[in-house]
Every structure is written in structure tokens, then in C-alpha cells.
Amino acid sequence: MHISLETIDNIARLSRLEFPDNEKAAFVEKFEQIITYFDALETFDLEGIEPLKSIADTGDNTFRDDVSERSTTTAEALANAPKHNSVFFKVPKVLGGS
């Protein structure tokens, strides 16, 4: 398949891109290479081959069960903080004025 400069202009318009005129010839060559690659893929006999649902087609759910576990208490989280009150960490101001 031959890619024309008009095709490049149309692709640029659809993708809302602008290509300088001196770069369009390179795009023609690259797009023709891509089309040639896909044409080569069409020569493979894929009869009876099931499409993959995932690249890691293990067939099993590999995620762990969503089980509630004990979490850190507020007191445990604040235990090693240099400055805190009973609920929050105290840090220097980073936004605003003085």
C-alpha cells in the first residue's frame, strides 16, 4: 500500500498534529514500513488459535482475597513522630506566609 502526502496530512489533521513539510517524507516511509509489517502478519495461519485475554494467560485469578486485617492505630502511627498532638503529625508550614 502506498502512503501519500495527502494521507499524512489527513492523519495529522485527525490527530490534531502539525508536521513540517520537510518531515512528511520521513513519515511516508515509516508508515509504509508499518503497513508492510502488518501485511506480513496477515500471511500467518491462525486457524484454531484462540485469542489471549491477557499476556500472562494463567487461567487463574492471581489476586489475593480481599480480607480485612488489623491496621496501625493512631497512637502507633504517632509513637515515633517528633511533634504531634493526640491526632495529627505536626510539621512546619510549607504554604502561605509566616
PDB file of N, CA and C in Angstrom:
ATOM      1  N   MET A   1       0.850  -1.175   0.000  1.00  0.00           N
ATOM      2  CA  MET A   1       0.000   0.000   0.000  1.00  0.00           C
ATOM      3  C   MET A   1       0.895   1.238   0.000  1.00  0.00           C
ATOM      4  N   HIS A   2       0.543   2.186  -0.820  1.00  0.00           N
ATOM      5  CA  HIS A   2       1.313   3.420  -0.905  1.00  0.00           C
ATOM      6  C   HIS A   2       0.656   4.494  -0.043  1.00  0.00           C
ATOM      7  N   ILE A   3       1.472   5.143   0.777  1.00  0.00           N
ATOM      8  CA  ILE A   3       1.010   6.242   1.624  1.00  0.00           C
ATOM      9  C   ILE A   3       1.400   7.547   0.923  1.00  0.00           C
ATOM     10  N   SER A   4       0.430   8.404   0.734  1.00  0.00           N
ATOM     11  CA  SER A   4       0.702   9.670   0.049  1.00  0.00           C
ATOM     12  C   SER A   4       0.858  10.796   1.070  1.00  0.00           C
ATOM     13  N   LEU A   5       1.337  11.930   0.591  1.00  0.00           N
ATOM     14  CA  LEU A   5       1.445  13.103   1.465  1.00  0.00           C
ATOM     15  C   LEU A   5       0.062  13.552   1.926  1.00  0.00           C
ATOM     16  N   GLU A   6      -0.959  13.336   1.072  1.00  0.00           N
ATOM     17  CA  GLU A   6      -2.326  13.678   1.467  1.00  0.00           C
ATOM     18  C   GLU A   6      -2.777  12.810   2.644  1.00  0.00           C
ATOM     19  N   THR A   7      -2.364  11.531   2.640  1.00  0.00           N
ATOM     20  CA  THR A   7      -2.698  10.646   3.756  1.00  0.00           C
ATOM     21  C   THR A   7      -2.031  11.136   5.033  1.00  0.00           C
ATOM     22  N   ILE A   8      -0.780  11.560   4.940  1.00  0.00           N
ATOM     23  CA  ILE A   8      -0.070  12.097   6.094  1.00  0.00           C
ATOM     24  C   ILE A   8      -0.783  13.351   6.603  1.00  0.00           C
ATOM     25  N   ASP A   9      -1.192  14.211   5.689  1.00  0.00           N
ATOM     26  CA  ASP A   9      -1.918  15.425   6.083  1.00  0.00           C
ATOM     27  C   ASP A   9      -3.228  15.073   6.778  1.00  0.00           C
ATOM     28  N   ASN A  10      -3.921  14.052   6.284  1.00  0.00           N
ATOM     29  CA  ASN A  10      -5.189  13.633   6.880  1.00  0.00           C
ATOM     30  C   ASN A  10      -4.963  13.058   8.283  1.00  0.00           C
ATOM     31  N   ILE A  11      -3.940  12.225   8.432  1.00  0.00           N
ATOM     32  CA  ILE A  11      -3.613  11.666   9.751  1.00  0.00           C
ATOM     33  C   ILE A  11      -3.264  12.796  10.718  1.00  0.00           C
ATOM     34  N   ALA A  12      -2.488  13.759  10.256  1.00  0.00           N
ATOM     35  CA  ALA A  12      -2.117  14.898  11.099  1.00  0.00           C
ATOM     36  C   ALA A  12      -3.355  15.684  11.518  1.00  0.00           C
ATOM     37  N   ARG A  13      -4.263  15.902  10.579  1.00  0.00           N
ATOM     38  CA  ARG A  13      -5.479  16.646  10.894  1.00  0.00           C
ATOM     39  C   ARG A  13      -6.333  15.894  11.909  1.00  0.00           C
ATOM     40  N   LEU A  14      -6.498  14.578  11.714  1.00  0.00           N
ATOM     41  CA  LEU A  14      -7.312  13.784  12.627  1.00  0.00           C
ATOM     42  C   LEU A  14      -6.709  13.714  14.024  1.00  0.00           C
ATOM     43  N   SER A  15      -5.395  13.702  14.103  1.00  0.00           N
ATOM     44  CA  SER A  15      -4.731  13.614  15.404  1.00  0.00           C
ATOM     45  C   SER A  15      -4.393  14.988  15.977  1.00  0.00           C
ATOM     46  N   ARG A  16      -4.800  16.023  15.247  1.00  0.00           N
ATOM     47  CA  ARG A  16      -4.569  17.413  15.661  1.00  0.00           C
ATOM     48  C   ARG A  16      -3.083  17.698  15.891  1.00  0.00           C
ATOM     49  N   LEU A  17      -2.272  17.214  14.940  1.00  0.00           N
ATOM     50  CA  LEU A  17      -0.836  17.458  14.952  1.00  0.00           C
ATOM     51  C   LEU A  17      -0.451  18.244  13.716  1.00  0.00           C
ATOM     52  N   GLU A  18       0.678  18.882  13.799  1.00  0.00           N
ATOM     53  CA  GLU A  18       1.201  19.591  12.639  1.00  0.00           C
ATOM     54  C   GLU A  18       2.597  19.065  12.344  1.00  0.00           C
ATOM     55  N   PHE A  19       2.822  18.643  11.106  1.00  0.00           N
ATOM     56  CA  PHE A  19       4.124  18.150  10.697  1.00  0.00           C
ATOM     57  C   PHE A  19       4.747  19.151   9.733  1.00  0.00           C
ATOM     58  N   PRO A  20       5.994  19.524   9.969  1.00  0.00           N
ATOM     59  CA  PRO A  20       6.670  20.393   8.999  1.00  0.00           C
ATOM     60  C   PRO A  20       6.803  19.664   7.660  1.00  0.00           C
ATOM     61  N   ASP A  21       6.748  20.417   6.566  1.00  0.00           N
ATOM     62  CA  ASP A  21       6.816  19.809   5.233  1.00  0.00           C
ATOM     63  C   ASP A  21       8.064  18.955   5.054  1.00  0.00           C
ATOM     64  N   ASN A  22       9.182  19.375   5.636  1.00  0.00           N
ATOM     65  CA  ASN A  22      10.420  18.623   5.432  1.00  0.00           C
ATOM     66  C   ASN A  22      10.432  17.286   6.187  1.00  0.00           C
ATOM     67  N   GLU A  23       9.488  17.046   7.111  1.00  0.00           N
ATOM     68  CA  GLU A  23       9.414  15.783   7.848  1.00  0.00           C
ATOM     69  C   GLU A  23       8.378  14.821   7.282  1.00  0.00           C
ATOM     70  N   LYS A  24       7.504  15.301   6.417  1.00  0.00           N
ATOM     71  CA  LYS A  24       6.416  14.459   5.908  1.00  0.00           C
ATOM     72  C   LYS A  24       6.923  13.278   5.097  1.00  0.00           C
ATOM     73  N   ALA A  25       7.997  13.455   4.337  1.00  0.00           N
ATOM     74  CA  ALA A  25       8.537  12.349   3.542  1.00  0.00           C
ATOM     75  C   ALA A  25       9.005  11.212   4.446  1.00  0.00           C
ATOM     76  N   ALA A  26       9.587  11.539   5.593  1.00  0.00           N
ATOM     77  CA  ALA A  26      10.021  10.511   6.534  1.00  0.00           C
ATOM     78  C   ALA A  26       8.819   9.752   7.090  1.00  0.00           C
ATOM     79  N   PHE A  27       7.717  10.464   7.333  1.00  0.00           N
ATOM     80  CA  PHE A  27       6.505   9.806   7.810  1.00  0.00           C
ATOM     81  C   PHE A  27       5.946   8.855   6.760  1.00  0.00           C
ATOM     82  N   VAL A  28       6.004   9.258   5.495  1.00  0.00           N
ATOM     83  CA  VAL A  28       5.534   8.379   4.417  1.00  0.00           C
ATOM     84  C   VAL A  28       6.306   7.070   4.471  1.00  0.00           C
ATOM     85  N   GLU A  29       7.619   7.154   4.580  1.00  0.00           N
ATOM     86  CA  GLU A  29       8.464   5.955   4.605  1.00  0.00           C
ATOM     87  C   GLU A  29       8.159   5.087   5.821  1.00  0.00           C
ATOM     88  N   LYS A  30       8.040   5.694   6.988  1.00  0.00           N
ATOM     89  CA  LYS A  30       7.773   4.934   8.222  1.00  0.00           C
ATOM     90  C   LYS A  30       6.395   4.272   8.191  1.00  0.00           C
ATOM     91  N   PHE A  31       5.381   5.001   7.723  1.00  0.00           N
ATOM     92  CA  PHE A  31       4.041   4.416   7.643  1.00  0.00           C
ATOM     93  C   PHE A  31       3.996   3.266   6.650  1.00  0.00           C
ATOM     94  N   GLU A  32       4.722   3.380   5.544  1.00  0.00           N
ATOM     95  CA  GLU A  32       4.765   2.280   4.581  1.00  0.00           C
ATOM     96  C   GLU A  32       5.441   1.059   5.192  1.00  0.00           C
ATOM     97  N   GLN A  33       6.468   1.257   6.035  1.00  0.00           N
ATOM     98  CA  GLN A  33       7.110   0.135   6.723  1.00  0.00           C
ATOM     99  C   GLN A  33       6.128  -0.535   7.685  1.00  0.00           C
ATOM    100  N   ILE A  34       5.336   0.265   8.376  1.00  0.00           N
ATOM    101  CA  ILE A  34       4.354  -0.281   9.314  1.00  0.00           C
ATOM    102  C   ILE A  34       3.305  -1.108   8.560  1.00  0.00           C
ATOM    103  N   ILE A  35       2.801  -0.570   7.455  1.00  0.00           N
ATOM    104  CA  ILE A  35       1.798  -1.290   6.658  1.00  0.00           C
ATOM    105  C   ILE A  35       2.390  -2.588   6.115  1.00  0.00           C
ATOM    106  N   THR A  36       3.637  -2.561   5.674  1.00  0.00           N
ATOM    107  CA  THR A  36       4.301  -3.772   5.180  1.00  0.00           C
ATOM    108  C   THR A  36       4.400  -4.806   6.292  1.00  0.00           C
ATOM    109  N   TYR A  37       4.699  -4.375   7.490  1.00  0.00           N
ATOM    110  CA  TYR A  37       4.776  -5.281   8.637  1.00  0.00           C
ATOM    111  C   TYR A  37       3.412  -5.937   8.886  1.00  0.00           C
ATOM    112  N   PHE A  38       2.350  -5.154   8.884  1.00  0.00           N
ATOM    113  CA  PHE A  38       1.021  -5.727   9.103  1.00  0.00           C
ATOM    114  C   PHE A  38       0.605  -6.640   7.954  1.00  0.00           C
ATOM    115  N   ASP A  39       1.000  -6.314   6.745  1.00  0.00           N
ATOM    116  CA  ASP A  39       0.722  -7.213   5.617  1.00  0.00           C
ATOM    117  C   ASP A  39       1.403  -8.559   5.830  1.00  0.00           C
ATOM    118  N   ALA A  40       2.626  -8.542   6.384  1.00  0.00           N
ATOM    119  CA  ALA A  40       3.343  -9.791   6.658  1.00  0.00           C
ATOM    120  C   ALA A  40       2.632 -10.595   7.734  1.00  0.00           C
ATOM    121  N   LEU A  41       2.041  -9.931   8.722  1.00  0.00           N
ATOM    122  CA  LEU A  41       1.316 -10.638   9.774  1.00  0.00           C
ATOM    123  C   LEU A  41       0.098 -11.376   9.228  1.00  0.00           C
ATOM    124  N   GLU A  42      -0.503 -10.833   8.178  1.00  0.00           N
ATOM    125  CA  GLU A  42      -1.688 -11.470   7.595  1.00  0.00           C
ATOM    126  C   GLU A  42      -1.371 -12.793   6.914  1.00  0.00           C
ATOM    127  N   THR A  43      -0.102 -13.095   6.669  1.00  0.00           N
ATOM    128  CA  THR A  43       0.260 -14.350   5.999  1.00  0.00           C
ATOM    129  C   THR A  43       0.273 -15.539   6.953  1.00  0.00           C
ATOM    130  N   PHE A  44       0.238 -15.303   8.277  1.00  0.00           N
ATOM    131  CA  PHE A  44       0.272 -16.405   9.236  1.00  0.00           C
ATOM    132  C   PHE A  44      -1.065 -17.125   9.278  1.00  0.00           C
ATOM    133  N   ASP A  45      -1.005 -18.452   9.398  1.00  0.00           N
ATOM    134  CA  ASP A  45      -2.213 -19.261   9.531  1.00  0.00           C
ATOM    135  C   ASP A  45      -2.593 -19.306  11.008  1.00  0.00           C
ATOM    136  N   LEU A  46      -3.663 -18.649  11.369  1.00  0.00           N
ATOM    137  CA  LEU A  46      -4.099 -18.575  12.757  1.00  0.00           C
ATOM    138  C   LEU A  46      -5.361 -19.385  13.014  1.00  0.00           C
ATOM    139  N   GLU A  47      -5.669 -20.284  12.112  1.00  0.00           N
ATOM    140  CA  GLU A  47      -6.870 -21.120  12.244  1.00  0.00           C
ATOM    141  C   GLU A  47      -6.786 -21.958  13.510  1.00  0.00           C
ATOM    142  N   GLY A  48      -7.799 -21.867  14.368  1.00  0.00           N
ATOM    143  CA  GLY A  48      -7.870 -22.661  15.585  1.00  0.00           C
ATOM    144  C   GLY A  48      -7.108 -22.085  16.763  1.00  0.00           C
ATOM    145  N   ILE A  49      -6.493 -20.938  16.618  1.00  0.00           N
ATOM    146  CA  ILE A  49      -5.759 -20.323  17.714  1.00  0.00           C
ATOM    147  C   ILE A  49      -6.686 -19.333  18.416  1.00  0.00           C
ATOM    148  N   GLU A  50      -6.868 -19.558  19.713  1.00  0.00           N
ATOM    149  CA  GLU A  50      -7.743 -18.700  20.500  1.00  0.00           C
ATOM    150  C   GLU A  50      -7.028 -17.397  20.846  1.00  0.00           C
ATOM    151  N   PRO A  51      -7.721 -16.268  20.788  1.00  0.00           N
ATOM    152  CA  PRO A  51      -7.103 -15.006  21.186  1.00  0.00           C
ATOM    153  C   PRO A  51      -6.824 -14.995  22.689  1.00  0.00           C
ATOM    154  N   LEU A  52      -5.759 -14.307  23.089  1.00  0.00           N
ATOM    155  CA  LEU A  52      -5.416 -14.189  24.505  1.00  0.00           C
ATOM    156  C   LEU A  52      -6.290 -13.134  25.176  1.00  0.00           C
ATOM    157  N   LYS A  53      -6.661 -13.398  26.401  1.00  0.00           N
ATOM    158  CA  LYS A  53      -7.368 -12.405  27.199  1.00  0.00           C
ATOM    159  C   LYS A  53      -6.363 -11.565  27.980  1.00  0.00           C
ATOM    160  N   SER A  54      -5.195 -12.126  28.195  1.00  0.00           N
ATOM    161  CA  SER A  54      -4.134 -11.454  28.932  1.00  0.00           C
ATOM    162  C   SER A  54      -2.808 -11.982  28.422  1.00  0.00           C
ATOM    163  N   ILE A  55      -1.776 -11.175  28.466  1.00  0.00           N
ATOM    164  CA  ILE A  55      -0.465 -11.619  28.018  1.00  0.00           C
ATOM    165  C   ILE A  55       0.069 -12.705  28.943  1.00  0.00           C
ATOM    166  N   ALA A  56      -0.342 -12.680  30.227  1.00  0.00           N
ATOM    167  CA  ALA A  56       0.023 -13.709  31.195  1.00  0.00           C
ATOM    168  C   ALA A  56      -1.191 -14.597  31.397  1.00  0.00           C
ATOM    169  N   ASP A  57      -1.502 -15.410  30.419  1.00  0.00           N
ATOM    170  CA  ASP A  57      -2.715 -16.217  30.418  1.00  0.00           C
ATOM    171  C   ASP A  57      -2.567 -17.415  31.353  1.00  0.00           C
ATOM    172  N   THR A  58      -2.673 -17.157  32.670  1.00  0.00           N
ATOM    173  CA  THR A  58      -2.517 -18.222  33.655  1.00  0.00           C
ATOM    174  C   THR A  58      -3.817 -18.986  33.862  1.00  0.00           C
ATOM    175  N   GLY A  59      -4.923 -18.375  33.524  1.00  0.00           N
ATOM    176  CA  GLY A  59      -6.206 -19.038  33.690  1.00  0.00           C
ATOM    177  C   GLY A  59      -6.789 -18.890  35.083  1.00  0.00           C
ATOM    178  N   ASP A  60      -5.952 -18.585  36.050  1.00  0.00           N
ATOM    179  CA  ASP A  60      -6.424 -18.443  37.429  1.00  0.00           C
ATOM    180  C   ASP A  60      -6.355 -16.992  37.849  1.00  0.00           C
ATOM    181  N   ASN A  61      -7.181 -16.654  38.820  1.00  0.00           N
ATOM    182  CA  ASN A  61      -7.113 -15.325  39.410  1.00  0.00           C
ATOM    183  C   ASN A  61      -5.893 -15.294  40.322  1.00  0.00           C
ATOM    184  N   THR A  62      -4.936 -14.434  40.024  1.00  0.00           N
ATOM    185  CA  THR A  62      -3.702 -14.395  40.801  1.00  0.00           C
ATOM    186  C   THR A  62      -3.758 -13.374  41.923  1.00  0.00           C
ATOM    187  N   PHE A  63      -4.883 -12.722  42.112  1.00  0.00           N
ATOM    188  CA  PHE A  63      -5.015 -11.744  43.183  1.00  0.00           C
ATOM    189  C   PHE A  63      -5.391 -12.440  44.480  1.00  0.00           C
ATOM    190  N   ARG A  64      -4.944 -11.870  45.590  1.00  0.00           N
ATOM    191  CA  ARG A  64      -5.295 -12.430  46.887  1.00  0.00           C
ATOM    192  C   ARG A  64      -6.727 -12.043  47.240  1.00  0.00           C
ATOM    193  N   ASP A  65      -7.298 -12.756  48.176  1.00  0.00           N
ATOM    194  CA  ASP A  65      -8.632 -12.409  48.652  1.00  0.00           C
ATOM    195  C   ASP A  65      -8.578 -11.066  49.365  1.00  0.00           C
ATOM    196  N   ASP A  66      -9.639 -10.306  49.251  1.00  0.00           N
ATOM    197  CA  ASP A  66      -9.730  -9.009  49.904  1.00  0.00           C
ATOM    198  C   ASP A  66     -10.236  -9.230  51.321  1.00  0.00           C
ATOM    199  N   VAL A  67      -9.269  -9.381  52.244  1.00  0.00           N
ATOM    200  CA  VAL A  67      -9.601  -9.696  53.626  1.00  0.00           C
ATOM    201  C   VAL A  67      -9.190  -8.530  54.505  1.00  0.00           C
ATOM    202  N   SER A  68     -10.079  -8.140  55.401  1.00  0.00           N
ATOM    203  CA  SER A  68      -9.784  -7.062  56.334  1.00  0.00           C
ATOM    204  C   SER A  68      -8.748  -7.536  57.342  1.00  0.00           C
ATOM    205  N   GLU A  69      -7.722  -6.707  57.554  1.00  0.00           N
ATOM    206  CA  GLU A  69      -6.680  -7.040  58.519  1.00  0.00           C
ATOM    207  C   GLU A  69      -6.532  -5.895  59.507  1.00  0.00           C
ATOM    208  N   ARG A  70      -5.866  -6.174  60.627  1.00  0.00           N
ATOM    209  CA  ARG A  70      -5.620  -5.151  61.638  1.00  0.00           C
ATOM    210  C   ARG A  70      -4.728  -4.074  61.031  1.00  0.00           C
ATOM    211  N   SER A  71      -5.081  -2.833  61.246  1.00  0.00           N
ATOM    212  CA  SER A  71      -4.266  -1.731  60.746  1.00  0.00           C
ATOM    213  C   SER A  71      -3.606  -1.006  61.910  1.00  0.00           C
ATOM    214  N   THR A  72      -2.711  -0.102  61.578  1.00  0.00           N
ATOM    215  CA  THR A  72      -1.991   0.665  62.588  1.00  0.00           C
ATOM    216  C   THR A  72      -2.946   1.620  63.288  1.00  0.00           C
ATOM    217  N   THR A  73      -2.844   1.679  64.597  1.00  0.00           N
ATOM    218  CA  THR A  73      -3.683   2.614  65.355  1.00  0.00           C
ATOM    219  C   THR A  73      -3.072   4.003  65.273  1.00  0.00           C
ATOM    220  N   THR A  74      -3.846   4.996  65.627  1.00  0.00           N
ATOM    221  CA  THR A  74      -3.356   6.374  65.632  1.00  0.00           C
ATOM    222  C   THR A  74      -2.187   6.509  66.594  1.00  0.00           C
ATOM    223  N   ALA A  75      -2.294   5.921  67.778  1.00  0.00           N
ATOM    224  CA  ALA A  75      -1.219   6.008  68.772  1.00  0.00           C
ATOM    225  C   ALA A  75       0.063   5.369  68.241  1.00  0.00           C
ATOM    226  N   GLU A  76      -0.047   4.227  67.549  1.00  0.00           N
ATOM    227  CA  GLU A  76       1.135   3.566  66.981  1.00  0.00           C
ATOM    228  C   GLU A  76       1.768   4.419  65.882  1.00  0.00           C
ATOM    229  N   ALA A  77       0.945   5.032  65.064  1.00  0.00           N
ATOM    230  CA  ALA A  77       1.461   5.863  63.972  1.00  0.00           C
ATOM    231  C   ALA A  77       2.177   7.092  64.510  1.00  0.00           C
ATOM    232  N   LEU A  78       1.691   7.664  65.607  1.00  0.00           N
ATOM    233  CA  LEU A  78       2.276   8.875  66.166  1.00  0.00           C
ATOM    234  C   LEU A  78       3.419   8.598  67.145  1.00  0.00           C
ATOM    235  N   ALA A  79       3.661   7.348  67.494  1.00  0.00           N
ATOM    236  CA  ALA A  79       4.616   6.999  68.545  1.00  0.00           C
ATOM    237  C   ALA A  79       6.022   7.537  68.287  1.00  0.00           C
ATOM    238  N   ASN A  80       6.516   7.515  67.085  1.00  0.00           N
ATOM    239  CA  ASN A  80       7.881   7.960  66.789  1.00  0.00           C
ATOM    240  C   ASN A  80       7.948   9.345  66.159  1.00  0.00           C
ATOM    241  N   ALA A  81       6.821  10.024  66.078  1.00  0.00           N
ATOM    242  CA  ALA A  81       6.806  11.365  65.484  1.00  0.00           C
ATOM    243  C   ALA A  81       7.407  12.357  66.459  1.00  0.00           C
ATOM    244  N   PRO A  82       8.334  13.213  66.000  1.00  0.00           N
ATOM    245  CA  PRO A  82       8.942  14.171  66.928  1.00  0.00           C
ATOM    246  C   PRO A  82       7.940  15.177  67.481  1.00  0.00           C
ATOM    247  N   LYS A  83       6.975  15.590  66.676  1.00  0.00           N
ATOM    248  CA  LYS A  83       5.957  16.539  67.148  1.00  0.00           C
ATOM    249  C   LYS A  83       4.590  16.029  66.698  1.00  0.00           C
ATOM    250  N   HIS A  84       3.675  16.000  67.626  1.00  0.00           N
ATOM    251  CA  HIS A  84       2.308  15.580  67.303  1.00  0.00           C
ATOM    252  C   HIS A  84       1.388  15.981  68.440  1.00  0.00           C
ATOM    253  N   ASN A  85       0.102  16.007  68.132  1.00  0.00           N
ATOM    254  CA  ASN A  85      -0.876  16.119  69.206  1.00  0.00           C
ATOM    255  C   ASN A  85      -1.540  14.749  69.283  1.00  0.00           C
ATOM    256  N   SER A  86      -2.679  14.633  69.857  1.00  0.00           N
ATOM    257  CA  SER A  86      -3.263  13.306  70.023  1.00  0.00           C
ATOM    258  C   SER A  86      -3.813  12.706  68.730  1.00  0.00           C
ATOM    259  N   VAL A  87      -3.894  13.502  67.662  1.00  0.00           N
ATOM    260  CA  VAL A  87      -4.500  13.002  66.426  1.00  0.00           C
ATOM    261  C   VAL A  87      -3.628  13.221  65.193  1.00  0.00           C
ATOM    262  N   PHE A  88      -2.859  14.325  65.132  1.00  0.00           N
ATOM    263  CA  PHE A  88      -2.154  14.704  63.917  1.00  0.00           C
ATOM    264  C   PHE A  88      -0.649  14.824  64.117  1.00  0.00           C
ATOM    265  N   PHE A  89       0.089  14.614  63.023  1.00  0.00           N
ATOM    266  CA  PHE A  89       1.508  14.960  62.994  1.00  0.00           C
ATOM    267  C   PHE A  89       1.609  16.471  62.925  1.00  0.00           C
ATOM    268  N   LYS A  90       2.613  17.064  63.578  1.00  0.00           N
ATOM    269  CA  LYS A  90       2.845  18.499  63.478  1.00  0.00           C
ATOM    270  C   LYS A  90       4.104  18.694  62.640  1.00  0.00           C
ATOM    271  N   VAL A  91       3.961  19.500  61.580  1.00  0.00           N
ATOM    272  CA  VAL A  91       5.079  19.763  60.672  1.00  0.00           C
ATOM    273  C   VAL A  91       5.172  21.260  60.442  1.00  0.00           C
ATOM    274  N   PRO A  92       6.360  21.731  60.012  1.00  0.00           N
ATOM    275  CA  PRO A  92       6.472  23.154  59.721  1.00  0.00           C
ATOM    276  C   PRO A  92       5.576  23.559  58.571  1.00  0.00           C
ATOM    277  N   LYS A  93       5.125  24.814  58.578  1.00  0.00           N
ATOM    278  CA  LYS A  93       4.296  25.340  57.479  1.00  0.00           C
ATOM    279  C   LYS A  93       5.091  25.336  56.193  1.00  0.00           C
ATOM    280  N   VAL A  94       4.468  24.917  55.111  1.00  0.00           N
ATOM    281  CA  VAL A  94       5.142  24.935  53.816  1.00  0.00           C
ATOM    282  C   VAL A  94       4.414  25.823  52.824  1.00  0.00           C
ATOM    283  N   LEU A  95       3.190  26.219  53.113  1.00  0.00           N
ATOM    284  CA  LEU A  95       2.409  27.082  52.231  1.00  0.00           C
ATOM    285  C   LEU A  95       2.042  28.352  52.968  1.00  0.00           C
ATOM    286  N   GLY A  96       1.847  29.393  52.197  1.00  0.00           N
ATOM    287  CA  GLY A  96       1.372  30.632  52.771  1.00  0.00           C
ATOM    288  C   GLY A  96       2.495  31.478  53.363  1.00  0.00           C
ATOM    289  N   GLY A  97       2.102  32.482  54.082  1.00  0.00           N
ATOM    290  CA  GLY A  97       3.037  33.446  54.650  1.00  0.00           C
ATOM    291  C   GLY A  97       3.700  32.924  55.906  1.00  0.00           C
ATOM    292  N   SER A  98       3.831  33.796  56.880  1.00  0.00           N
ATOM    293  CA  SER A  98       4.576  33.460  58.092  1.00  0.00           C
ATOM    294  C   SER A  98       3.944  32.431  58.969  1.00  0.00           C
TER     295      SER A  98
END
